Amino acid sequence: MPSDMPALPPALDLLGIAIFALTGALLAARLRQTFVTMAFFALVTGVGGGSVRDLLIGAPVFWVRDPLVAPVCLGVAIVAWIAPRRWWEGSGNLIEWADAAGLAAYSVLGTIKALRFGVPPVPAILMGVVTGCVGGIIRDVLAGQPSILMRPELYVTAAALAASLAAVGILAGLSPAITWAVAAAAGFALRGAAIRWSLALPSYGGARQV
């Protein structure tokens, strides 16, 4: 059963979902897909990570019971569909930055929800990483794009930073609002730095000559 630990405000929850849904819709727009495909990409990207998290922690799948989540994802797809095409031309960079924002917000959200359901700290942090990363991975796989998970640049690391700071702050009894803001900002900053300067972890064997 959920604990009395504070929950993320619903408006921020929906904002994170909308940002992630936008990355799915923009990718479909860039690939010149139909509206049905765009709406599907928006929904899957918006709820994918949270759905996997809920199944793993034994919680009701959040978007099935929330009357606003699916309409928000659909609304994002509609906006992406009717907006002037020039808004999305060369949208690859926009997708990356929107994804960075969604990654940070969702990693914090996933960690907090896992802690509220009694998940121990380290698994809760991993649930935050799953929440932040899986939607984008599903989006890329469906689109036939190289998954960010298979590239060396910092991505999962940024999610882990946001999730870890969220868990540490909450367990230390710090202000929830400050904790959420600092954790999400740190994750976004690290991911943004990776986008801007191509920061990456070393690959296996990268420093050795065979």
N, C-alpha and C. Protein backbone atom coordinates (compact mmCIF):
# COMPACT_ATOMS: atom_id res chain seq x y z
N MET A 1 0.84 -1.20 0.00
CA MET A 1 0.00 0.00 0.00
C MET A 1 0.87 1.25 0.00
N PRO A 2 0.42 2.33 -0.62
CA PRO A 2 1.20 3.55 -0.64
C PRO A 2 1.42 4.09 0.77
N SER A 3 2.56 4.72 0.99
CA SER A 3 2.86 5.34 2.26
C SER A 3 2.31 6.75 2.27
N ASP A 4 2.58 7.48 3.38
CA ASP A 4 2.13 8.86 3.46
C ASP A 4 3.15 9.84 2.89
N MET A 5 4.14 9.32 2.18
CA MET A 5 5.14 10.17 1.55
C MET A 5 4.46 11.08 0.53
N PRO A 6 4.84 12.35 0.45
CA PRO A 6 4.17 13.27 -0.47
C PRO A 6 4.28 12.84 -1.92
N ALA A 7 3.21 13.04 -2.66
CA ALA A 7 3.18 12.69 -4.08
C ALA A 7 3.50 13.92 -4.92
N LEU A 8 3.96 13.66 -6.12
CA LEU A 8 4.22 14.76 -7.04
C LEU A 8 2.89 15.41 -7.42
N PRO A 9 2.82 16.74 -7.45
CA PRO A 9 1.56 17.41 -7.84
C PRO A 9 1.06 16.91 -9.19
N PRO A 10 -0.25 16.64 -9.33
CA PRO A 10 -0.80 16.10 -10.58
C PRO A 10 -0.45 16.94 -11.80
N ALA A 11 -0.40 18.26 -11.65
CA ALA A 11 -0.10 19.12 -12.80
C ALA A 11 1.31 18.86 -13.33
N LEU A 12 2.27 18.65 -12.41
CA LEU A 12 3.63 18.36 -12.84
C LEU A 12 3.72 16.98 -13.47
N ASP A 13 2.95 16.05 -12.93
CA ASP A 13 2.89 14.70 -13.49
C ASP A 13 2.43 14.77 -14.95
N LEU A 14 1.33 15.48 -15.19
CA LEU A 14 0.80 15.61 -16.55
C LEU A 14 1.76 16.36 -17.47
N LEU A 15 2.48 17.33 -16.91
CA LEU A 15 3.45 18.06 -17.72
C LEU A 15 4.56 17.14 -18.21
N GLY A 16 5.06 16.29 -17.32
CA GLY A 16 6.09 15.34 -17.72
C GLY A 16 5.59 14.39 -18.80
N ILE A 17 4.36 13.92 -18.64
CA ILE A 17 3.76 13.03 -19.64
C ILE A 17 3.64 13.75 -20.97
N ALA A 18 3.17 15.00 -20.93
CA ALA A 18 2.98 15.76 -22.16
C ALA A 18 4.30 15.99 -22.88
N ILE A 19 5.35 16.29 -22.13
CA ILE A 19 6.66 16.52 -22.76
C ILE A 19 7.15 15.26 -23.45
N PHE A 20 7.03 14.13 -22.77
CA PHE A 20 7.45 12.88 -23.39
C PHE A 20 6.58 12.53 -24.59
N ALA A 21 5.27 12.74 -24.46
CA ALA A 21 4.38 12.47 -25.58
C ALA A 21 4.76 13.33 -26.78
N LEU A 22 5.18 14.56 -26.52
CA LEU A 22 5.59 15.45 -27.61
C LEU A 22 6.77 14.88 -28.38
N THR A 23 7.71 14.26 -27.68
CA THR A 23 8.86 13.68 -28.40
C THR A 23 8.41 12.57 -29.34
N GLY A 24 7.42 11.78 -28.91
CA GLY A 24 6.90 10.74 -29.79
C GLY A 24 6.18 11.33 -30.99
N ALA A 25 5.36 12.34 -30.74
CA ALA A 25 4.63 12.98 -31.83
C ALA A 25 5.58 13.66 -32.82
N LEU A 26 6.62 14.31 -32.31
CA LEU A 26 7.57 14.99 -33.19
C LEU A 26 8.36 14.01 -34.04
N LEU A 27 8.69 12.87 -33.45
CA LEU A 27 9.41 11.87 -34.24
C LEU A 27 8.53 11.36 -35.37
N ALA A 28 7.25 11.11 -35.08
CA ALA A 28 6.33 10.69 -36.13
C ALA A 28 6.17 11.78 -37.20
N ALA A 29 6.13 13.05 -36.77
CA ALA A 29 6.04 14.14 -37.73
C ALA A 29 7.28 14.20 -38.62
N ARG A 30 8.43 14.02 -38.02
CA ARG A 30 9.67 14.06 -38.80
C ARG A 30 9.73 12.93 -39.82
N LEU A 31 9.09 11.80 -39.47
CA LEU A 31 9.07 10.65 -40.37
C LEU A 31 7.89 10.69 -41.34
N ARG A 32 7.10 11.81 -41.30
CA ARG A 32 5.97 12.00 -42.20
C ARG A 32 4.93 10.87 -42.09
N GLN A 33 4.56 10.55 -40.85
CA GLN A 33 3.61 9.48 -40.60
C GLN A 33 2.18 10.02 -40.56
N THR A 34 1.20 9.13 -40.51
CA THR A 34 -0.20 9.51 -40.43
C THR A 34 -0.53 9.99 -39.01
N PHE A 35 -1.72 10.58 -38.86
CA PHE A 35 -2.12 11.05 -37.55
C PHE A 35 -2.27 9.88 -36.57
N VAL A 36 -2.78 8.74 -37.06
CA VAL A 36 -2.94 7.59 -36.18
C VAL A 36 -1.59 7.17 -35.61
N THR A 37 -0.58 7.12 -36.46
CA THR A 37 0.76 6.76 -36.00
C THR A 37 1.29 7.80 -35.02
N MET A 38 1.04 9.08 -35.33
CA MET A 38 1.51 10.14 -34.45
C MET A 38 0.86 10.03 -33.07
N ALA A 39 -0.45 9.77 -33.03
CA ALA A 39 -1.14 9.63 -31.75
C ALA A 39 -0.63 8.41 -30.99
N PHE A 40 -0.38 7.32 -31.71
CA PHE A 40 0.13 6.11 -31.06
C PHE A 40 1.51 6.35 -30.47
N PHE A 41 2.37 7.01 -31.24
CA PHE A 41 3.71 7.32 -30.74
C PHE A 41 3.63 8.22 -29.51
N ALA A 42 2.74 9.21 -29.55
CA ALA A 42 2.61 10.10 -28.40
C ALA A 42 2.17 9.33 -27.16
N LEU A 43 1.19 8.45 -27.30
CA LEU A 43 0.69 7.69 -26.16
C LEU A 43 1.74 6.73 -25.62
N VAL A 44 2.34 5.95 -26.51
CA VAL A 44 3.32 4.96 -26.06
C VAL A 44 4.52 5.62 -25.40
N THR A 45 4.98 6.72 -25.97
CA THR A 45 6.12 7.40 -25.38
C THR A 45 5.76 8.04 -24.06
N GLY A 46 4.56 8.60 -23.98
CA GLY A 46 4.14 9.27 -22.75
C GLY A 46 3.92 8.33 -21.58
N VAL A 47 3.40 7.14 -21.84
CA VAL A 47 3.03 6.25 -20.73
C VAL A 47 3.89 5.00 -20.63
N GLY A 48 4.81 4.79 -21.58
CA GLY A 48 5.55 3.53 -21.62
C GLY A 48 6.35 3.26 -20.36
N GLY A 49 7.18 4.21 -19.95
CA GLY A 49 8.01 3.99 -18.78
C GLY A 49 7.20 3.84 -17.50
N GLY A 50 6.18 4.68 -17.34
CA GLY A 50 5.34 4.60 -16.15
C GLY A 50 4.56 3.30 -16.09
N SER A 51 4.15 2.78 -17.23
CA SER A 51 3.41 1.52 -17.25
C SER A 51 4.28 0.37 -16.78
N VAL A 52 5.52 0.32 -17.29
CA VAL A 52 6.45 -0.74 -16.87
C VAL A 52 6.73 -0.62 -15.38
N ARG A 53 6.95 0.60 -14.91
CA ARG A 53 7.19 0.82 -13.47
C ARG A 53 6.03 0.29 -12.63
N ASP A 54 4.80 0.65 -13.00
CA ASP A 54 3.64 0.25 -12.21
C ASP A 54 3.49 -1.26 -12.18
N LEU A 55 3.74 -1.91 -13.30
CA LEU A 55 3.66 -3.37 -13.33
C LEU A 55 4.72 -4.00 -12.42
N LEU A 56 5.90 -3.40 -12.35
CA LEU A 56 6.98 -3.96 -11.54
C LEU A 56 6.75 -3.74 -10.05
N ILE A 57 6.14 -2.62 -9.66
CA ILE A 57 5.96 -2.35 -8.23
C ILE A 57 4.58 -2.79 -7.73
N GLY A 58 3.79 -3.38 -8.61
CA GLY A 58 2.48 -3.87 -8.20
C GLY A 58 1.44 -2.80 -8.00
N ALA A 59 1.59 -1.67 -8.71
CA ALA A 59 0.62 -0.58 -8.62
C ALA A 59 -0.35 -0.66 -9.80
N PRO A 60 -1.56 -0.13 -9.64
CA PRO A 60 -2.46 -0.03 -10.80
C PRO A 60 -1.79 0.81 -11.89
N VAL A 61 -1.88 0.37 -13.12
CA VAL A 61 -1.26 1.11 -14.23
C VAL A 61 -1.91 2.49 -14.31
N PHE A 62 -1.09 3.52 -14.10
CA PHE A 62 -1.59 4.86 -13.80
C PHE A 62 -2.52 5.43 -14.86
N TRP A 63 -2.20 5.26 -16.12
CA TRP A 63 -2.97 5.97 -17.14
C TRP A 63 -4.30 5.29 -17.45
N VAL A 64 -4.43 4.04 -17.07
CA VAL A 64 -5.70 3.34 -17.28
C VAL A 64 -6.77 3.89 -16.35
N ARG A 65 -6.36 4.34 -15.16
CA ARG A 65 -7.30 4.83 -14.17
C ARG A 65 -7.41 6.36 -14.13
N ASP A 66 -6.47 7.04 -14.77
CA ASP A 66 -6.49 8.50 -14.77
C ASP A 66 -7.19 8.99 -16.03
N PRO A 67 -8.29 9.72 -15.90
CA PRO A 67 -9.05 10.14 -17.09
C PRO A 67 -8.36 11.22 -17.92
N LEU A 68 -7.27 11.79 -17.42
CA LEU A 68 -6.64 12.90 -18.13
C LEU A 68 -5.43 12.50 -18.97
N VAL A 69 -4.79 11.39 -18.63
CA VAL A 69 -3.51 11.07 -19.28
C VAL A 69 -3.67 10.82 -20.77
N ALA A 70 -4.56 9.91 -21.15
CA ALA A 70 -4.73 9.61 -22.57
C ALA A 70 -5.18 10.85 -23.36
N PRO A 71 -6.15 11.65 -22.85
CA PRO A 71 -6.51 12.87 -23.58
C PRO A 71 -5.34 13.85 -23.73
N VAL A 72 -4.47 13.94 -22.73
CA VAL A 72 -3.31 14.83 -22.84
C VAL A 72 -2.39 14.36 -23.96
N CYS A 73 -2.12 13.06 -24.01
CA CYS A 73 -1.27 12.53 -25.08
C CYS A 73 -1.91 12.75 -26.45
N LEU A 74 -3.22 12.52 -26.54
CA LEU A 74 -3.92 12.74 -27.79
C LEU A 74 -3.90 14.23 -28.17
N GLY A 75 -4.08 15.09 -27.17
CA GLY A 75 -4.04 16.52 -27.43
C GLY A 75 -2.69 16.98 -27.95
N VAL A 76 -1.62 16.42 -27.40
CA VAL A 76 -0.28 16.74 -27.88
C VAL A 76 -0.13 16.32 -29.34
N ALA A 77 -0.65 15.13 -29.67
CA ALA A 77 -0.57 14.66 -31.05
C ALA A 77 -1.35 15.58 -31.99
N ILE A 78 -2.51 16.05 -31.55
CA ILE A 78 -3.32 16.95 -32.37
C ILE A 78 -2.56 18.25 -32.63
N VAL A 79 -1.95 18.80 -31.58
CA VAL A 79 -1.17 20.03 -31.75
C VAL A 79 -0.04 19.83 -32.73
N ALA A 80 0.67 18.71 -32.58
CA ALA A 80 1.78 18.42 -33.50
C ALA A 80 1.28 18.26 -34.93
N TRP A 81 0.07 17.72 -35.09
CA TRP A 81 -0.47 17.46 -36.42
C TRP A 81 -0.93 18.74 -37.12
N ILE A 82 -1.59 19.63 -36.38
CA ILE A 82 -2.17 20.82 -37.02
C ILE A 82 -1.22 22.02 -37.05
N ALA A 83 -0.16 21.97 -36.27
CA ALA A 83 0.79 23.09 -36.26
C ALA A 83 1.49 23.21 -37.61
N PRO A 84 1.89 24.40 -37.98
CA PRO A 84 2.60 24.57 -39.25
C PRO A 84 3.82 23.67 -39.34
N ARG A 85 4.04 23.10 -40.51
CA ARG A 85 5.13 22.15 -40.69
C ARG A 85 6.48 22.77 -40.34
N ARG A 86 6.63 24.06 -40.58
CA ARG A 86 7.92 24.69 -40.32
C ARG A 86 8.32 24.62 -38.84
N TRP A 87 7.30 24.45 -37.96
CA TRP A 87 7.62 24.32 -36.54
C TRP A 87 8.45 23.07 -36.27
N TRP A 88 8.22 22.05 -37.07
CA TRP A 88 8.87 20.77 -36.81
C TRP A 88 10.00 20.46 -37.79
N GLU A 89 10.22 21.33 -38.76
CA GLU A 89 11.32 21.09 -39.69
C GLU A 89 12.64 21.09 -38.93
N GLY A 90 13.44 20.08 -39.21
CA GLY A 90 14.70 19.95 -38.48
C GLY A 90 14.48 19.77 -36.99
N SER A 91 13.44 18.98 -36.64
CA SER A 91 13.04 18.87 -35.24
C SER A 91 13.89 17.92 -34.43
N GLY A 92 14.93 17.35 -35.03
CA GLY A 92 15.74 16.40 -34.28
C GLY A 92 16.28 16.97 -33.00
N ASN A 93 16.81 18.20 -33.05
CA ASN A 93 17.37 18.82 -31.85
C ASN A 93 16.27 19.13 -30.84
N LEU A 94 15.10 19.56 -31.32
CA LEU A 94 13.98 19.82 -30.41
C LEU A 94 13.55 18.54 -29.71
N ILE A 95 13.53 17.43 -30.45
CA ILE A 95 13.16 16.15 -29.84
C ILE A 95 14.13 15.81 -28.72
N GLU A 96 15.42 16.02 -28.96
CA GLU A 96 16.42 15.69 -27.94
C GLU A 96 16.24 16.52 -26.68
N TRP A 97 15.97 17.83 -26.84
CA TRP A 97 15.83 18.68 -25.67
C TRP A 97 14.52 18.41 -24.94
N ALA A 98 13.44 18.15 -25.69
CA ALA A 98 12.18 17.79 -25.05
C ALA A 98 12.32 16.46 -24.32
N ASP A 99 13.03 15.54 -24.94
CA ASP A 99 13.26 14.24 -24.32
C ASP A 99 14.07 14.41 -23.03
N ALA A 100 15.05 15.32 -23.04
CA ALA A 100 15.86 15.56 -21.84
C ALA A 100 14.98 16.05 -20.69
N ALA A 101 14.05 16.96 -21.00
CA ALA A 101 13.14 17.47 -19.97
C ALA A 101 12.23 16.36 -19.45
N GLY A 102 11.68 15.55 -20.36
CA GLY A 102 10.84 14.45 -19.94
C GLY A 102 11.60 13.41 -19.14
N LEU A 103 12.82 13.13 -19.55
CA LEU A 103 13.67 12.17 -18.85
C LEU A 103 13.86 12.58 -17.40
N ALA A 104 14.21 13.83 -17.19
CA ALA A 104 14.47 14.31 -15.83
C ALA A 104 13.20 14.29 -14.98
N ALA A 105 12.10 14.82 -15.53
CA ALA A 105 10.86 14.89 -14.77
C ALA A 105 10.32 13.50 -14.44
N TYR A 106 10.36 12.61 -15.40
CA TYR A 106 9.81 11.27 -15.20
C TYR A 106 10.66 10.43 -14.27
N SER A 107 11.98 10.64 -14.29
CA SER A 107 12.86 9.89 -13.38
C SER A 107 12.55 10.25 -11.93
N VAL A 108 12.31 11.53 -11.68
CA VAL A 108 11.93 11.98 -10.34
C VAL A 108 10.56 11.41 -9.96
N LEU A 109 9.62 11.51 -10.86
CA LEU A 109 8.27 11.01 -10.60
C LEU A 109 8.28 9.52 -10.28
N GLY A 110 9.01 8.75 -11.10
CA GLY A 110 9.04 7.30 -10.90
C GLY A 110 9.65 6.92 -9.56
N THR A 111 10.69 7.62 -9.16
CA THR A 111 11.33 7.33 -7.88
C THR A 111 10.39 7.62 -6.72
N ILE A 112 9.74 8.76 -6.77
CA ILE A 112 8.83 9.15 -5.70
C ILE A 112 7.67 8.16 -5.58
N LYS A 113 7.11 7.76 -6.72
CA LYS A 113 6.00 6.82 -6.66
C LYS A 113 6.43 5.47 -6.10
N ALA A 114 7.62 5.00 -6.50
CA ALA A 114 8.11 3.72 -5.99
C ALA A 114 8.32 3.80 -4.47
N LEU A 115 8.88 4.90 -3.98
CA LEU A 115 9.07 5.06 -2.54
C LEU A 115 7.73 5.07 -1.82
N ARG A 116 6.75 5.72 -2.40
CA ARG A 116 5.42 5.77 -1.77
C ARG A 116 4.77 4.39 -1.69
N PHE A 117 5.13 3.50 -2.59
CA PHE A 117 4.59 2.14 -2.56
C PHE A 117 5.48 1.19 -1.77
N GLY A 118 6.37 1.74 -0.96
CA GLY A 118 7.16 0.92 -0.06
C GLY A 118 8.35 0.23 -0.68
N VAL A 119 8.75 0.63 -1.87
CA VAL A 119 9.93 0.04 -2.50
C VAL A 119 11.18 0.60 -1.82
N PRO A 120 12.16 -0.25 -1.48
CA PRO A 120 13.39 0.23 -0.84
C PRO A 120 14.12 1.25 -1.72
N PRO A 121 15.00 2.06 -1.13
CA PRO A 121 15.61 3.18 -1.87
C PRO A 121 16.30 2.81 -3.18
N VAL A 122 17.18 1.81 -3.16
CA VAL A 122 17.93 1.51 -4.38
C VAL A 122 17.00 1.00 -5.49
N PRO A 123 16.12 0.01 -5.22
CA PRO A 123 15.16 -0.37 -6.26
C PRO A 123 14.26 0.80 -6.68
N ALA A 124 13.93 1.69 -5.76
CA ALA A 124 13.09 2.85 -6.12
C ALA A 124 13.82 3.74 -7.11
N ILE A 125 15.12 3.94 -6.90
CA ILE A 125 15.92 4.72 -7.84
C ILE A 125 15.91 4.04 -9.21
N LEU A 126 16.06 2.72 -9.23
CA LEU A 126 16.03 2.00 -10.50
C LEU A 126 14.67 2.12 -11.17
N MET A 127 13.60 2.15 -10.38
CA MET A 127 12.26 2.36 -10.95
C MET A 127 12.16 3.75 -11.56
N GLY A 128 12.85 4.72 -10.95
CA GLY A 128 12.89 6.05 -11.55
C GLY A 128 13.59 6.05 -12.89
N VAL A 129 14.69 5.31 -12.97
CA VAL A 129 15.42 5.20 -14.24
C VAL A 129 14.55 4.52 -15.29
N VAL A 130 13.87 3.46 -14.91
CA VAL A 130 12.97 2.77 -15.84
C VAL A 130 11.88 3.73 -16.32
N THR A 131 11.30 4.47 -15.40
CA THR A 131 10.24 5.41 -15.76
C THR A 131 10.73 6.45 -16.75
N GLY A 132 11.94 6.95 -16.52
CA GLY A 132 12.48 7.99 -17.38
C GLY A 132 12.95 7.51 -18.74
N CYS A 133 13.43 6.27 -18.82
CA CYS A 133 14.10 5.82 -20.04
C CYS A 133 13.26 4.96 -20.97
N VAL A 134 12.36 4.16 -20.41
CA VAL A 134 11.72 3.12 -21.23
C VAL A 134 10.81 3.70 -22.31
N GLY A 135 10.10 4.78 -22.01
CA GLY A 135 9.22 5.36 -23.04
C GLY A 135 10.00 5.79 -24.27
N GLY A 136 11.14 6.45 -24.06
CA GLY A 136 11.97 6.86 -25.19
C GLY A 136 12.56 5.70 -25.95
N ILE A 137 12.91 4.65 -25.21
CA ILE A 137 13.46 3.46 -25.87
C ILE A 137 12.40 2.80 -26.76
N ILE A 138 11.18 2.67 -26.23
CA ILE A 138 10.08 2.09 -27.02
C ILE A 138 9.84 2.93 -28.26
N ARG A 139 9.81 4.26 -28.09
CA ARG A 139 9.60 5.18 -29.22
C ARG A 139 10.64 4.95 -30.32
N ASP A 140 11.91 4.87 -29.94
CA ASP A 140 12.97 4.71 -30.92
C ASP A 140 12.89 3.36 -31.62
N VAL A 141 12.59 2.32 -30.87
CA VAL A 141 12.50 0.98 -31.46
C VAL A 141 11.35 0.91 -32.46
N LEU A 142 10.18 1.46 -32.10
CA LEU A 142 9.04 1.45 -33.00
C LEU A 142 9.33 2.24 -34.28
N ALA A 143 10.12 3.30 -34.14
CA ALA A 143 10.43 4.14 -35.30
C ALA A 143 11.59 3.60 -36.13
N GLY A 144 12.19 2.51 -35.67
CA GLY A 144 13.33 1.96 -36.40
C GLY A 144 14.57 2.82 -36.28
N GLN A 145 14.63 3.62 -35.19
CA GLN A 145 15.78 4.49 -34.95
C GLN A 145 16.75 3.81 -34.00
N PRO A 146 18.05 4.14 -34.09
CA PRO A 146 19.00 3.61 -33.10
C PRO A 146 18.60 4.09 -31.70
N SER A 147 18.41 3.18 -30.79
CA SER A 147 17.98 3.56 -29.44
C SER A 147 19.08 4.34 -28.73
N ILE A 148 18.67 5.35 -27.97
CA ILE A 148 19.62 6.13 -27.20
C ILE A 148 20.37 5.24 -26.22
N LEU A 149 19.76 4.14 -25.82
CA LEU A 149 20.39 3.23 -24.87
C LEU A 149 21.65 2.61 -25.46
N MET A 150 21.72 2.51 -26.78
CA MET A 150 22.85 1.87 -27.44
C MET A 150 23.92 2.87 -27.85
N ARG A 151 23.74 4.14 -27.49
CA ARG A 151 24.76 5.14 -27.78
C ARG A 151 25.50 5.49 -26.50
N PRO A 152 26.79 5.85 -26.61
CA PRO A 152 27.58 6.06 -25.40
C PRO A 152 27.26 7.34 -24.65
N GLU A 153 26.61 8.33 -25.29
CA GLU A 153 26.40 9.60 -24.61
C GLU A 153 25.52 9.44 -23.38
N LEU A 154 25.69 10.33 -22.42
CA LEU A 154 25.01 10.21 -21.13
C LEU A 154 23.50 10.35 -21.29
N TYR A 155 22.80 9.32 -20.88
CA TYR A 155 21.34 9.32 -20.93
C TYR A 155 20.80 8.63 -19.68
N VAL A 156 21.07 7.34 -19.57
CA VAL A 156 20.66 6.62 -18.36
C VAL A 156 21.33 7.24 -17.14
N THR A 157 22.57 7.71 -17.30
CA THR A 157 23.28 8.34 -16.19
C THR A 157 22.54 9.59 -15.70
N ALA A 158 22.00 10.38 -16.62
CA ALA A 158 21.24 11.57 -16.24
C ALA A 158 19.97 11.17 -15.49
N ALA A 159 19.32 10.12 -15.95
CA ALA A 159 18.12 9.63 -15.25
C ALA A 159 18.48 9.15 -13.86
N ALA A 160 19.60 8.45 -13.75
CA ALA A 160 20.04 7.94 -12.45
C ALA A 160 20.37 9.08 -11.49
N LEU A 161 20.96 10.15 -12.00
CA LEU A 161 21.28 11.30 -11.16
C LEU A 161 20.00 11.93 -10.62
N ALA A 162 19.04 12.17 -11.49
CA ALA A 162 17.77 12.77 -11.05
C ALA A 162 17.07 11.87 -10.03
N ALA A 163 17.03 10.58 -10.32
CA ALA A 163 16.35 9.63 -9.42
C ALA A 163 17.05 9.56 -8.07
N SER A 164 18.36 9.53 -8.08
CA SER A 164 19.12 9.42 -6.83
C SER A 164 18.94 10.65 -5.96
N LEU A 165 19.02 11.83 -6.57
CA LEU A 165 18.83 13.06 -5.80
C LEU A 165 17.42 13.14 -5.22
N ALA A 166 16.43 12.69 -5.99
CA ALA A 166 15.06 12.69 -5.49
C ALA A 166 14.93 11.78 -4.27
N ALA A 167 15.49 10.58 -4.35
CA ALA A 167 15.40 9.63 -3.25
C ALA A 167 16.14 10.14 -2.01
N VAL A 168 17.35 10.64 -2.21
CA VAL A 168 18.15 11.13 -1.08
C VAL A 168 17.45 12.31 -0.39
N GLY A 169 16.93 13.24 -1.19
CA GLY A 169 16.26 14.39 -0.61
C GLY A 169 15.02 14.03 0.18
N ILE A 170 14.20 13.16 -0.37
CA ILE A 170 12.97 12.75 0.30
C ILE A 170 13.28 11.98 1.57
N LEU A 171 14.22 11.03 1.50
CA LEU A 171 14.55 10.23 2.67
C LEU A 171 15.25 11.05 3.74
N ALA A 172 15.91 12.13 3.34
CA ALA A 172 16.57 13.01 4.30
C ALA A 172 15.59 14.00 4.93
N GLY A 173 14.35 14.00 4.47
CA GLY A 173 13.35 14.87 5.03
C GLY A 173 13.40 16.29 4.53
N LEU A 174 14.05 16.51 3.39
CA LEU A 174 14.11 17.85 2.82
C LEU A 174 12.76 18.23 2.22
N SER A 175 12.59 19.50 1.94
CA SER A 175 11.35 19.97 1.34
C SER A 175 11.08 19.23 0.03
N PRO A 176 9.89 18.61 -0.11
CA PRO A 176 9.60 17.89 -1.35
C PRO A 176 9.71 18.76 -2.59
N ALA A 177 9.18 19.97 -2.53
CA ALA A 177 9.21 20.84 -3.71
C ALA A 177 10.64 21.17 -4.12
N ILE A 178 11.47 21.49 -3.13
CA ILE A 178 12.87 21.80 -3.45
C ILE A 178 13.59 20.56 -3.96
N THR A 179 13.33 19.43 -3.33
CA THR A 179 13.96 18.18 -3.75
C THR A 179 13.62 17.84 -5.19
N TRP A 180 12.33 17.91 -5.53
CA TRP A 180 11.91 17.59 -6.88
C TRP A 180 12.54 18.54 -7.89
N ALA A 181 12.54 19.83 -7.56
CA ALA A 181 13.07 20.83 -8.49
C ALA A 181 14.57 20.63 -8.70
N VAL A 182 15.32 20.43 -7.62
CA VAL A 182 16.77 20.26 -7.74
C VAL A 182 17.10 18.97 -8.48
N ALA A 183 16.41 17.88 -8.16
CA ALA A 183 16.68 16.60 -8.80
C ALA A 183 16.40 16.66 -10.30
N ALA A 184 15.25 17.21 -10.67
CA ALA A 184 14.90 17.31 -12.09
C ALA A 184 15.86 18.24 -12.82
N ALA A 185 16.22 19.36 -12.19
CA ALA A 185 17.14 20.30 -12.83
C ALA A 185 18.51 19.68 -13.04
N ALA A 186 18.97 18.91 -12.06
CA ALA A 186 20.28 18.27 -12.19
C ALA A 186 20.29 17.24 -13.32
N GLY A 187 19.23 16.43 -13.38
CA GLY A 187 19.15 15.45 -14.46
C GLY A 187 19.07 16.10 -15.83
N PHE A 188 18.28 17.17 -15.92
CA PHE A 188 18.16 17.89 -17.19
C PHE A 188 19.49 18.54 -17.57
N ALA A 189 20.18 19.11 -16.59
CA ALA A 189 21.46 19.77 -16.87
C ALA A 189 22.49 18.77 -17.37
N LEU A 190 22.55 17.60 -16.75
CA LEU A 190 23.53 16.61 -17.19
C LEU A 190 23.20 16.10 -18.59
N ARG A 191 21.93 15.83 -18.84
CA ARG A 191 21.55 15.37 -20.17
C ARG A 191 21.78 16.48 -21.19
N GLY A 192 21.47 17.73 -20.82
CA GLY A 192 21.70 18.85 -21.72
C GLY A 192 23.17 19.02 -22.05
N ALA A 193 24.03 18.84 -21.05
CA ALA A 193 25.46 18.92 -21.29
C ALA A 193 25.92 17.82 -22.24
N ALA A 194 25.33 16.64 -22.10
CA ALA A 194 25.67 15.53 -23.01
C ALA A 194 25.26 15.84 -24.44
N ILE A 195 24.09 16.49 -24.60
CA ILE A 195 23.64 16.88 -25.93
C ILE A 195 24.55 17.95 -26.51
N ARG A 196 24.86 18.93 -25.68
CA ARG A 196 25.63 20.09 -26.17
C ARG A 196 27.08 19.74 -26.48
N TRP A 197 27.70 18.94 -25.61
CA TRP A 197 29.13 18.66 -25.76
C TRP A 197 29.44 17.19 -26.03
N SER A 198 28.43 16.40 -26.34
CA SER A 198 28.61 14.97 -26.67
C SER A 198 29.34 14.23 -25.55
N LEU A 199 28.97 14.50 -24.31
CA LEU A 199 29.58 13.81 -23.18
C LEU A 199 29.16 12.34 -23.20
N ALA A 200 30.10 11.47 -22.92
CA ALA A 200 29.81 10.04 -23.01
C ALA A 200 30.65 9.28 -22.00
N LEU A 201 30.14 8.13 -21.59
CA LEU A 201 30.91 7.21 -20.77
C LEU A 201 31.85 6.42 -21.67
N PRO A 202 33.00 6.00 -21.15
CA PRO A 202 33.91 5.19 -21.97
C PRO A 202 33.28 3.84 -22.30
N SER A 203 33.46 3.38 -23.52
CA SER A 203 32.94 2.08 -23.92
C SER A 203 33.92 0.98 -23.54
N TYR A 204 33.42 -0.23 -23.46
CA TYR A 204 34.27 -1.36 -23.10
C TYR A 204 35.39 -1.54 -24.09
N GLY A 205 36.61 -1.61 -23.61
CA GLY A 205 37.76 -1.81 -24.49
C GLY A 205 38.16 -0.59 -25.27
N GLY A 206 37.48 0.56 -25.01
CA GLY A 206 37.78 1.74 -25.82
C GLY A 206 39.18 2.27 -25.65
N ALA A 207 39.78 2.04 -24.49
CA ALA A 207 41.12 2.56 -24.23
C ALA A 207 42.20 1.55 -24.55
N ARG A 208 41.81 0.38 -25.04
CA ARG A 208 42.81 -0.66 -25.30
C ARG A 208 42.94 -0.88 -26.81
N GLN A 209 44.08 -1.21 -27.22
CA GLN A 209 44.32 -1.59 -28.61
C GLN A 209 44.48 -3.11 -28.67
N VAL A 210 43.71 -3.75 -29.53
CA VAL A 210 43.75 -5.21 -29.63
C VAL A 210 44.56 -5.60 -30.85
